[in-house]
N, C-alpha and C. Protein backbone atom coordinates (compact mmCIF):
# COMPACT_ATOMS: atom_id res chain seq x y z
N MET A 1 -5.62 -30.45 36.30
CA MET A 1 -5.47 -30.11 34.90
C MET A 1 -6.86 -30.08 34.27
N ASN A 2 -7.19 -28.98 33.60
CA ASN A 2 -8.51 -28.90 32.95
C ASN A 2 -8.43 -29.42 31.52
N LYS A 3 -9.55 -29.43 30.83
CA LYS A 3 -9.62 -30.00 29.48
C LYS A 3 -8.68 -29.28 28.52
N VAL A 4 -8.63 -27.96 28.61
CA VAL A 4 -7.79 -27.18 27.69
C VAL A 4 -6.31 -27.50 27.95
N GLU A 5 -5.92 -27.57 29.20
CA GLU A 5 -4.52 -27.90 29.52
C GLU A 5 -4.17 -29.31 29.04
N LEU A 6 -5.11 -30.22 29.18
CA LEU A 6 -4.89 -31.59 28.72
C LEU A 6 -4.73 -31.63 27.20
N LEU A 7 -5.57 -30.87 26.47
CA LEU A 7 -5.43 -30.80 25.02
C LEU A 7 -4.09 -30.20 24.63
N LEU A 8 -3.68 -29.14 25.30
CA LEU A 8 -2.39 -28.52 24.99
C LEU A 8 -1.24 -29.49 25.22
N HIS A 9 -1.33 -30.28 26.28
CA HIS A 9 -0.31 -31.28 26.54
C HIS A 9 -0.24 -32.28 25.37
N GLY A 10 -1.38 -32.77 24.94
CA GLY A 10 -1.42 -33.71 23.82
C GLY A 10 -0.95 -33.06 22.53
N TRP A 11 -1.37 -31.82 22.30
CA TRP A 11 -0.99 -31.10 21.08
C TRP A 11 0.52 -30.91 21.01
N ASP A 12 1.11 -30.53 22.12
CA ASP A 12 2.56 -30.34 22.17
C ASP A 12 3.30 -31.67 22.05
N SER A 13 2.76 -32.71 22.69
CA SER A 13 3.42 -34.02 22.68
C SER A 13 3.40 -34.64 21.29
N CYS A 14 2.33 -34.46 20.55
CA CYS A 14 2.28 -35.08 19.23
C CYS A 14 3.19 -34.36 18.24
N TYR A 15 3.57 -33.13 18.53
CA TYR A 15 4.36 -32.38 17.56
C TYR A 15 5.83 -32.18 17.95
N GLU A 16 6.09 -31.78 19.21
CA GLU A 16 7.47 -31.42 19.50
C GLU A 16 8.01 -31.82 20.87
N LYS A 17 7.19 -32.36 21.73
CA LYS A 17 7.65 -32.74 23.07
C LYS A 17 7.42 -34.23 23.28
N GLU A 18 8.50 -34.97 23.45
CA GLU A 18 8.37 -36.41 23.60
C GLU A 18 7.63 -36.77 24.88
N ASP A 19 6.71 -37.70 24.76
CA ASP A 19 5.99 -38.24 25.90
C ASP A 19 6.13 -39.76 25.79
N TRP A 20 5.10 -40.48 25.42
CA TRP A 20 5.17 -41.94 25.29
C TRP A 20 5.72 -42.38 23.94
N TYR A 21 5.77 -41.48 23.00
CA TYR A 21 6.30 -41.79 21.67
C TYR A 21 7.01 -40.55 21.15
N PRO A 22 7.92 -40.72 20.19
CA PRO A 22 8.62 -39.56 19.64
C PRO A 22 7.63 -38.61 18.94
N PRO A 23 7.83 -37.32 19.07
CA PRO A 23 6.94 -36.38 18.41
C PRO A 23 7.23 -36.30 16.91
N LEU A 24 6.30 -35.72 16.19
CA LEU A 24 6.41 -35.61 14.74
C LEU A 24 7.69 -34.88 14.32
N THR A 25 8.07 -33.82 15.02
CA THR A 25 9.28 -33.10 14.62
C THR A 25 10.51 -34.00 14.68
N ASP A 26 10.59 -34.89 15.67
CA ASP A 26 11.71 -35.83 15.73
C ASP A 26 11.64 -36.82 14.57
N ALA A 27 10.44 -37.27 14.24
CA ALA A 27 10.28 -38.24 13.15
C ALA A 27 10.67 -37.63 11.80
N LEU A 28 10.61 -36.31 11.68
CA LEU A 28 10.93 -35.63 10.43
C LEU A 28 12.32 -35.01 10.40
N LYS A 29 12.99 -35.04 11.53
CA LYS A 29 14.27 -34.37 11.66
C LYS A 29 15.30 -34.91 10.67
N GLU A 30 15.97 -33.97 10.00
CA GLU A 30 17.10 -34.26 9.11
C GLU A 30 16.74 -35.12 7.90
N LEU A 31 15.48 -35.13 7.52
CA LEU A 31 15.07 -35.86 6.32
C LEU A 31 15.28 -35.00 5.08
N SER A 32 15.85 -35.58 4.06
CA SER A 32 15.97 -34.88 2.78
C SER A 32 14.66 -35.05 2.01
N ALA A 33 14.52 -34.24 0.97
CA ALA A 33 13.33 -34.37 0.12
C ALA A 33 13.29 -35.76 -0.51
N GLU A 34 14.44 -36.28 -0.88
CA GLU A 34 14.50 -37.61 -1.48
C GLU A 34 14.03 -38.68 -0.48
N GLN A 35 14.48 -38.58 0.78
CA GLN A 35 14.06 -39.55 1.80
C GLN A 35 12.57 -39.40 2.10
N ALA A 36 12.09 -38.17 2.11
CA ALA A 36 10.67 -37.92 2.39
C ALA A 36 9.77 -38.47 1.28
N ASN A 37 10.32 -38.62 0.09
CA ASN A 37 9.54 -39.09 -1.05
C ASN A 37 9.78 -40.57 -1.35
N TRP A 38 10.52 -41.26 -0.51
CA TRP A 38 10.86 -42.68 -0.72
C TRP A 38 9.70 -43.59 -0.32
N ARG A 39 9.55 -44.68 -1.07
CA ARG A 39 8.61 -45.73 -0.69
C ARG A 39 9.26 -47.07 -1.02
N PRO A 40 8.93 -48.12 -0.27
CA PRO A 40 9.50 -49.44 -0.56
C PRO A 40 9.13 -49.88 -1.98
N ALA A 41 10.07 -50.46 -2.67
CA ALA A 41 9.84 -50.92 -4.05
C ALA A 41 8.66 -51.88 -4.11
N GLY A 42 7.79 -51.63 -5.06
CA GLY A 42 6.67 -52.53 -5.30
C GLY A 42 5.54 -52.44 -4.30
N GLU A 43 5.63 -51.54 -3.35
CA GLU A 43 4.61 -51.43 -2.31
C GLU A 43 3.75 -50.19 -2.54
N HIS A 44 2.48 -50.31 -2.25
CA HIS A 44 1.61 -49.14 -2.28
C HIS A 44 1.49 -48.62 -0.85
N VAL A 45 2.43 -47.78 -0.51
CA VAL A 45 2.52 -47.19 0.82
C VAL A 45 2.68 -45.70 0.62
N ASN A 46 2.01 -44.90 1.41
CA ASN A 46 2.21 -43.46 1.32
C ASN A 46 3.62 -43.11 1.78
N THR A 47 4.23 -42.17 1.09
CA THR A 47 5.55 -41.71 1.49
C THR A 47 5.44 -40.84 2.73
N ILE A 48 6.56 -40.52 3.32
CA ILE A 48 6.57 -39.59 4.47
C ILE A 48 5.98 -38.26 4.04
N TRP A 49 6.41 -37.78 2.89
CA TRP A 49 5.93 -36.49 2.40
C TRP A 49 4.41 -36.51 2.20
N GLU A 50 3.91 -37.59 1.64
CA GLU A 50 2.46 -37.70 1.45
C GLU A 50 1.73 -37.70 2.80
N ASN A 51 2.29 -38.38 3.79
CA ASN A 51 1.69 -38.37 5.13
C ASN A 51 1.68 -36.96 5.71
N VAL A 52 2.77 -36.24 5.55
CA VAL A 52 2.85 -34.86 6.07
C VAL A 52 1.84 -33.98 5.35
N HIS A 53 1.72 -34.14 4.05
CA HIS A 53 0.76 -33.35 3.28
C HIS A 53 -0.66 -33.61 3.79
N HIS A 54 -0.96 -34.85 4.07
CA HIS A 54 -2.26 -35.26 4.60
C HIS A 54 -2.51 -34.60 5.97
N LEU A 55 -1.52 -34.61 6.84
CA LEU A 55 -1.66 -33.98 8.15
C LEU A 55 -1.92 -32.49 8.01
N ILE A 56 -1.19 -31.85 7.12
CA ILE A 56 -1.37 -30.41 6.90
C ILE A 56 -2.79 -30.12 6.43
N PHE A 57 -3.32 -30.92 5.52
CA PHE A 57 -4.67 -30.69 5.01
C PHE A 57 -5.68 -30.60 6.16
N TYR A 58 -5.66 -31.58 7.05
CA TYR A 58 -6.66 -31.59 8.12
C TYR A 58 -6.40 -30.52 9.17
N LYS A 59 -5.14 -30.19 9.41
CA LYS A 59 -4.84 -29.11 10.34
C LYS A 59 -5.28 -27.76 9.76
N GLU A 60 -5.00 -27.54 8.48
CA GLU A 60 -5.42 -26.28 7.87
C GLU A 60 -6.94 -26.16 7.85
N ARG A 61 -7.62 -27.27 7.64
CA ARG A 61 -9.09 -27.24 7.66
C ARG A 61 -9.59 -26.84 9.04
N LEU A 62 -9.01 -27.41 10.09
CA LEU A 62 -9.42 -27.04 11.45
C LEU A 62 -9.09 -25.58 11.74
N LEU A 63 -7.89 -25.13 11.38
CA LEU A 63 -7.53 -23.75 11.65
C LEU A 63 -8.47 -22.79 10.94
N LYS A 64 -8.86 -23.12 9.73
CA LYS A 64 -9.82 -22.27 9.01
C LYS A 64 -11.17 -22.26 9.71
N ARG A 65 -11.56 -23.37 10.30
CA ARG A 65 -12.81 -23.39 11.09
C ARG A 65 -12.66 -22.47 12.29
N MET A 66 -11.52 -22.56 12.95
CA MET A 66 -11.29 -21.76 14.16
C MET A 66 -11.28 -20.26 13.86
N THR A 67 -10.83 -19.90 12.67
CA THR A 67 -10.74 -18.47 12.32
C THR A 67 -11.94 -17.99 11.52
N GLY A 68 -12.88 -18.89 11.25
CA GLY A 68 -14.07 -18.52 10.49
C GLY A 68 -13.81 -18.39 9.00
N GLU A 69 -12.71 -18.92 8.52
CA GLU A 69 -12.34 -18.82 7.10
C GLU A 69 -12.65 -20.08 6.31
N GLU A 70 -13.27 -21.07 6.94
CA GLU A 70 -13.50 -22.34 6.23
C GLU A 70 -14.37 -22.11 5.01
N SER A 71 -13.97 -22.75 3.94
CA SER A 71 -14.77 -22.70 2.72
C SER A 71 -15.17 -24.12 2.37
N ASP A 72 -16.07 -24.24 1.42
CA ASP A 72 -16.50 -25.56 1.00
C ASP A 72 -15.38 -26.24 0.22
N TYR A 73 -15.25 -27.52 0.40
CA TYR A 73 -14.27 -28.30 -0.34
C TYR A 73 -14.99 -28.96 -1.50
N PRO A 74 -14.27 -29.22 -2.58
CA PRO A 74 -14.92 -29.86 -3.73
C PRO A 74 -15.63 -31.15 -3.32
N GLU A 75 -16.80 -31.36 -3.87
CA GLU A 75 -17.60 -32.55 -3.56
C GLU A 75 -16.85 -33.85 -3.84
N ASP A 76 -16.00 -33.81 -4.87
CA ASP A 76 -15.31 -35.03 -5.27
C ASP A 76 -13.96 -35.23 -4.58
N LEU A 77 -13.61 -34.37 -3.62
CA LEU A 77 -12.36 -34.50 -2.88
C LEU A 77 -12.45 -35.72 -1.95
N THR A 78 -11.49 -36.63 -2.10
CA THR A 78 -11.48 -37.82 -1.25
C THR A 78 -10.33 -37.73 -0.26
N ASN A 79 -10.36 -38.58 0.75
CA ASN A 79 -9.27 -38.65 1.70
C ASN A 79 -7.95 -38.96 0.98
N ASP A 80 -7.99 -39.83 -0.02
CA ASP A 80 -6.79 -40.16 -0.78
C ASP A 80 -6.20 -38.92 -1.44
N ASP A 81 -7.05 -38.00 -1.87
CA ASP A 81 -6.56 -36.76 -2.50
C ASP A 81 -5.72 -35.92 -1.55
N THR A 82 -5.95 -36.04 -0.26
CA THR A 82 -5.23 -35.21 0.71
C THR A 82 -3.78 -35.62 0.88
N PHE A 83 -3.40 -36.76 0.32
CA PHE A 83 -2.02 -37.22 0.39
C PHE A 83 -1.20 -36.74 -0.81
N ALA A 84 -1.85 -36.23 -1.85
CA ALA A 84 -1.17 -35.89 -3.10
C ALA A 84 -0.15 -34.76 -2.90
N VAL A 85 1.05 -35.00 -3.42
CA VAL A 85 2.13 -34.00 -3.39
C VAL A 85 2.37 -33.59 -4.83
N GLN A 86 2.33 -32.29 -5.09
CA GLN A 86 2.42 -31.80 -6.47
C GLN A 86 3.86 -31.63 -6.96
N SER A 87 4.72 -31.13 -6.11
CA SER A 87 6.08 -30.82 -6.53
C SER A 87 7.04 -31.31 -5.46
N MET A 88 8.19 -31.86 -5.85
CA MET A 88 9.03 -32.56 -4.88
C MET A 88 10.49 -32.11 -4.87
N SER A 89 10.73 -30.82 -4.90
CA SER A 89 12.09 -30.31 -4.80
C SER A 89 12.48 -30.14 -3.34
N THR A 90 13.75 -29.93 -3.10
CA THR A 90 14.21 -29.67 -1.74
C THR A 90 13.53 -28.42 -1.18
N LYS A 91 13.39 -27.40 -2.01
CA LYS A 91 12.70 -26.17 -1.59
C LYS A 91 11.26 -26.48 -1.20
N ASP A 92 10.58 -27.31 -1.99
CA ASP A 92 9.20 -27.67 -1.70
C ASP A 92 9.09 -28.43 -0.37
N TRP A 93 10.05 -29.31 -0.09
CA TRP A 93 10.05 -30.05 1.17
C TRP A 93 10.21 -29.09 2.34
N GLN A 94 11.11 -28.14 2.23
CA GLN A 94 11.30 -27.16 3.30
C GLN A 94 10.04 -26.32 3.50
N GLU A 95 9.39 -25.96 2.40
CA GLU A 95 8.13 -25.20 2.49
C GLU A 95 7.03 -26.05 3.13
N THR A 96 7.00 -27.34 2.84
CA THR A 96 6.03 -28.24 3.45
C THR A 96 6.24 -28.29 4.96
N LEU A 97 7.48 -28.42 5.39
CA LEU A 97 7.78 -28.45 6.83
C LEU A 97 7.41 -27.12 7.50
N SER A 98 7.64 -26.02 6.81
CA SER A 98 7.26 -24.70 7.35
C SER A 98 5.75 -24.57 7.47
N ARG A 99 5.02 -25.05 6.46
CA ARG A 99 3.55 -25.03 6.53
C ARG A 99 3.05 -25.85 7.71
N LEU A 100 3.65 -27.03 7.91
CA LEU A 100 3.26 -27.89 9.01
C LEU A 100 3.48 -27.17 10.34
N GLN A 101 4.64 -26.58 10.51
CA GLN A 101 4.94 -25.88 11.76
C GLN A 101 3.99 -24.71 11.97
N SER A 102 3.75 -23.96 10.92
CA SER A 102 2.90 -22.77 11.01
C SER A 102 1.45 -23.13 11.39
N VAL A 103 0.89 -24.12 10.73
CA VAL A 103 -0.50 -24.48 11.02
C VAL A 103 -0.62 -25.12 12.40
N HIS A 104 0.37 -25.92 12.77
CA HIS A 104 0.32 -26.54 14.09
C HIS A 104 0.38 -25.46 15.17
N GLN A 105 1.28 -24.49 15.01
CA GLN A 105 1.39 -23.41 15.99
C GLN A 105 0.14 -22.53 15.99
N GLY A 106 -0.44 -22.30 14.81
CA GLY A 106 -1.66 -21.49 14.73
C GLY A 106 -2.79 -22.11 15.53
N ILE A 107 -2.95 -23.42 15.42
CA ILE A 107 -4.00 -24.10 16.19
C ILE A 107 -3.67 -24.04 17.67
N ARG A 108 -2.40 -24.25 18.02
CA ARG A 108 -1.99 -24.20 19.42
C ARG A 108 -2.31 -22.84 20.03
N ASP A 109 -2.02 -21.78 19.29
CA ASP A 109 -2.31 -20.43 19.77
C ASP A 109 -3.79 -20.25 20.06
N HIS A 110 -4.65 -20.80 19.21
CA HIS A 110 -6.10 -20.71 19.45
C HIS A 110 -6.49 -21.49 20.70
N ILE A 111 -5.99 -22.69 20.82
CA ILE A 111 -6.33 -23.51 22.00
C ILE A 111 -5.88 -22.82 23.28
N ALA A 112 -4.69 -22.24 23.27
CA ALA A 112 -4.13 -21.59 24.47
C ALA A 112 -4.99 -20.41 24.95
N ARG A 113 -5.75 -19.83 24.05
CA ARG A 113 -6.61 -18.69 24.43
C ARG A 113 -8.01 -19.11 24.86
N TRP A 114 -8.33 -20.40 24.76
CA TRP A 114 -9.66 -20.86 25.11
C TRP A 114 -9.95 -20.71 26.59
N GLU A 115 -11.20 -20.44 26.84
CA GLU A 115 -11.75 -20.60 28.18
C GLU A 115 -12.27 -22.03 28.23
N GLU A 116 -12.45 -22.57 29.41
CA GLU A 116 -12.86 -23.97 29.57
C GLU A 116 -14.07 -24.35 28.70
N GLY A 117 -15.07 -23.49 28.64
CA GLY A 117 -16.30 -23.81 27.90
C GLY A 117 -16.13 -23.90 26.39
N GLU A 118 -15.07 -23.29 25.87
CA GLU A 118 -14.86 -23.32 24.42
C GLU A 118 -14.54 -24.72 23.90
N PHE A 119 -14.08 -25.58 24.77
CA PHE A 119 -13.82 -26.98 24.40
C PHE A 119 -15.07 -27.60 23.80
N GLU A 120 -16.23 -27.24 24.33
CA GLU A 120 -17.51 -27.83 23.93
C GLU A 120 -18.16 -27.15 22.73
N HIS A 121 -17.56 -26.06 22.23
CA HIS A 121 -18.15 -25.32 21.10
C HIS A 121 -18.29 -26.22 19.87
N ILE A 122 -19.44 -26.15 19.23
CA ILE A 122 -19.67 -26.90 17.99
C ILE A 122 -19.86 -25.89 16.87
N TYR A 123 -19.05 -26.03 15.82
CA TYR A 123 -19.15 -25.13 14.68
C TYR A 123 -20.42 -25.43 13.90
N PRO A 124 -20.94 -24.42 13.19
CA PRO A 124 -22.15 -24.64 12.38
C PRO A 124 -21.98 -25.82 11.41
N ASN A 125 -23.02 -26.59 11.27
CA ASN A 125 -23.06 -27.74 10.36
C ASN A 125 -22.07 -28.84 10.74
N ARG A 126 -21.68 -28.92 12.00
CA ARG A 126 -20.75 -29.95 12.49
C ARG A 126 -21.41 -30.67 13.65
N THR A 127 -20.92 -31.87 13.97
CA THR A 127 -21.49 -32.62 15.08
C THR A 127 -20.52 -32.75 16.25
N LEU A 128 -19.20 -32.67 15.98
CA LEU A 128 -18.21 -32.80 17.06
C LEU A 128 -17.85 -31.43 17.61
N SER A 129 -17.63 -31.39 18.91
CA SER A 129 -17.14 -30.14 19.50
C SER A 129 -15.71 -29.91 19.03
N VAL A 130 -15.27 -28.66 19.08
CA VAL A 130 -13.92 -28.34 18.64
C VAL A 130 -12.89 -29.05 19.51
N GLY A 131 -13.16 -29.23 20.79
CA GLY A 131 -12.25 -29.96 21.66
C GLY A 131 -12.09 -31.41 21.23
N ARG A 132 -13.19 -32.05 20.89
CA ARG A 132 -13.13 -33.43 20.39
C ARG A 132 -12.39 -33.50 19.06
N TRP A 133 -12.61 -32.48 18.20
CA TRP A 133 -11.93 -32.45 16.91
C TRP A 133 -10.42 -32.34 17.11
N VAL A 134 -9.98 -31.47 18.03
CA VAL A 134 -8.55 -31.32 18.32
C VAL A 134 -8.01 -32.64 18.88
N ASN A 135 -8.74 -33.26 19.79
CA ASN A 135 -8.29 -34.53 20.36
C ASN A 135 -8.14 -35.58 19.25
N SER A 136 -9.06 -35.62 18.31
CA SER A 136 -8.97 -36.56 17.20
C SER A 136 -7.74 -36.28 16.34
N LEU A 137 -7.41 -35.00 16.14
CA LEU A 137 -6.22 -34.67 15.36
C LEU A 137 -4.94 -35.07 16.09
N ILE A 138 -4.95 -35.01 17.41
CA ILE A 138 -3.79 -35.48 18.18
C ILE A 138 -3.58 -36.97 17.92
N LEU A 139 -4.65 -37.74 17.99
CA LEU A 139 -4.56 -39.18 17.72
C LEU A 139 -4.16 -39.45 16.27
N HIS A 140 -4.69 -38.66 15.37
CA HIS A 140 -4.37 -38.76 13.95
C HIS A 140 -2.87 -38.51 13.73
N ASP A 141 -2.33 -37.48 14.38
CA ASP A 141 -0.89 -37.21 14.28
C ASP A 141 -0.07 -38.38 14.82
N ALA A 142 -0.50 -38.93 15.95
CA ALA A 142 0.24 -40.05 16.55
C ALA A 142 0.26 -41.24 15.60
N TYR A 143 -0.87 -41.53 14.99
CA TYR A 143 -0.97 -42.64 14.04
C TYR A 143 0.00 -42.45 12.87
N HIS A 144 -0.05 -41.26 12.26
CA HIS A 144 0.79 -41.03 11.09
C HIS A 144 2.27 -40.86 11.47
N THR A 145 2.54 -40.37 12.66
CA THR A 145 3.93 -40.31 13.13
C THR A 145 4.50 -41.72 13.22
N GLY A 146 3.71 -42.67 13.70
CA GLY A 146 4.14 -44.06 13.75
C GLY A 146 4.42 -44.60 12.35
N GLN A 147 3.58 -44.26 11.39
CA GLN A 147 3.81 -44.69 10.01
C GLN A 147 5.12 -44.10 9.48
N ILE A 148 5.34 -42.83 9.77
CA ILE A 148 6.56 -42.15 9.31
C ILE A 148 7.80 -42.83 9.91
N MET A 149 7.75 -43.15 11.18
CA MET A 149 8.90 -43.82 11.81
C MET A 149 9.11 -45.21 11.20
N PHE A 150 8.04 -45.91 10.89
CA PHE A 150 8.17 -47.22 10.27
C PHE A 150 8.82 -47.11 8.89
N ILE A 151 8.38 -46.13 8.10
CA ILE A 151 8.99 -45.91 6.78
C ILE A 151 10.48 -45.59 6.94
N ARG A 152 10.80 -44.77 7.93
CA ARG A 152 12.21 -44.43 8.16
C ARG A 152 13.00 -45.68 8.57
N LYS A 153 12.40 -46.56 9.35
CA LYS A 153 13.10 -47.81 9.70
C LYS A 153 13.35 -48.63 8.45
N LEU A 154 12.37 -48.72 7.57
CA LEU A 154 12.53 -49.48 6.33
C LEU A 154 13.64 -48.91 5.45
N GLN A 155 13.76 -47.59 5.44
CA GLN A 155 14.78 -46.97 4.60
C GLN A 155 16.13 -46.87 5.32
N GLY A 156 16.17 -47.25 6.60
CA GLY A 156 17.42 -47.23 7.34
C GLY A 156 17.82 -45.87 7.88
N THR A 157 16.85 -44.95 8.03
CA THR A 157 17.16 -43.61 8.54
C THR A 157 16.59 -43.38 9.95
N TRP A 158 16.12 -44.43 10.58
CA TRP A 158 15.59 -44.34 11.96
C TRP A 158 16.23 -45.47 12.74
N PRO A 159 16.68 -45.21 13.96
CA PRO A 159 17.33 -46.28 14.72
C PRO A 159 16.36 -47.42 15.02
N SER A 160 16.88 -48.64 14.98
CA SER A 160 16.02 -49.79 15.26
C SER A 160 15.62 -49.81 16.73
N ARG A 161 16.46 -49.22 17.58
CA ARG A 161 16.13 -49.09 19.00
C ARG A 161 16.46 -47.68 19.45
N ARG A 162 15.58 -47.14 20.28
CA ARG A 162 15.82 -45.81 20.86
C ARG A 162 15.86 -45.96 22.36
N PHE A 163 16.72 -45.19 22.99
CA PHE A 163 16.82 -45.21 24.43
C PHE A 163 16.58 -43.80 24.96
N PHE A 164 15.80 -43.71 25.99
CA PHE A 164 15.56 -42.41 26.61
C PHE A 164 15.29 -42.62 28.09
N ASP A 165 15.52 -41.58 28.85
CA ASP A 165 15.37 -41.66 30.31
C ASP A 165 13.93 -41.57 30.73
């Protein structure tokens, strides 16, 4: 297995194919907008929706780098800003899930076309290779998927135990 195949395996596993942990699509399955916007009373915890919005921000940023469309982000934009959700209707939740799927697939399509050497490509004004950036996003997805499952356990919408072969 070469580097590109290994990245594709991780990319698919973090989003839709179960490996050592449930993928993001399973963690989001059958969630209503209300459940996605729930947080424990009195706690400062990002909601599921806020976590998904945050994941989309960084995926869209990478995809724009890959397509040469990246633009400058406001100087005052913080990581906390990437969690902000503007509108919270059922339609908005479905659009959020569609955006997530679209950007994830867009990045996957780019990775699938790479030649081995493209893993090491470094975009202008960046220090990490695109392969390392993708690997970091895989880990980032895994981290936030775990948070999403924990929130679902707290709200009673995720099984306390899962069994799989």
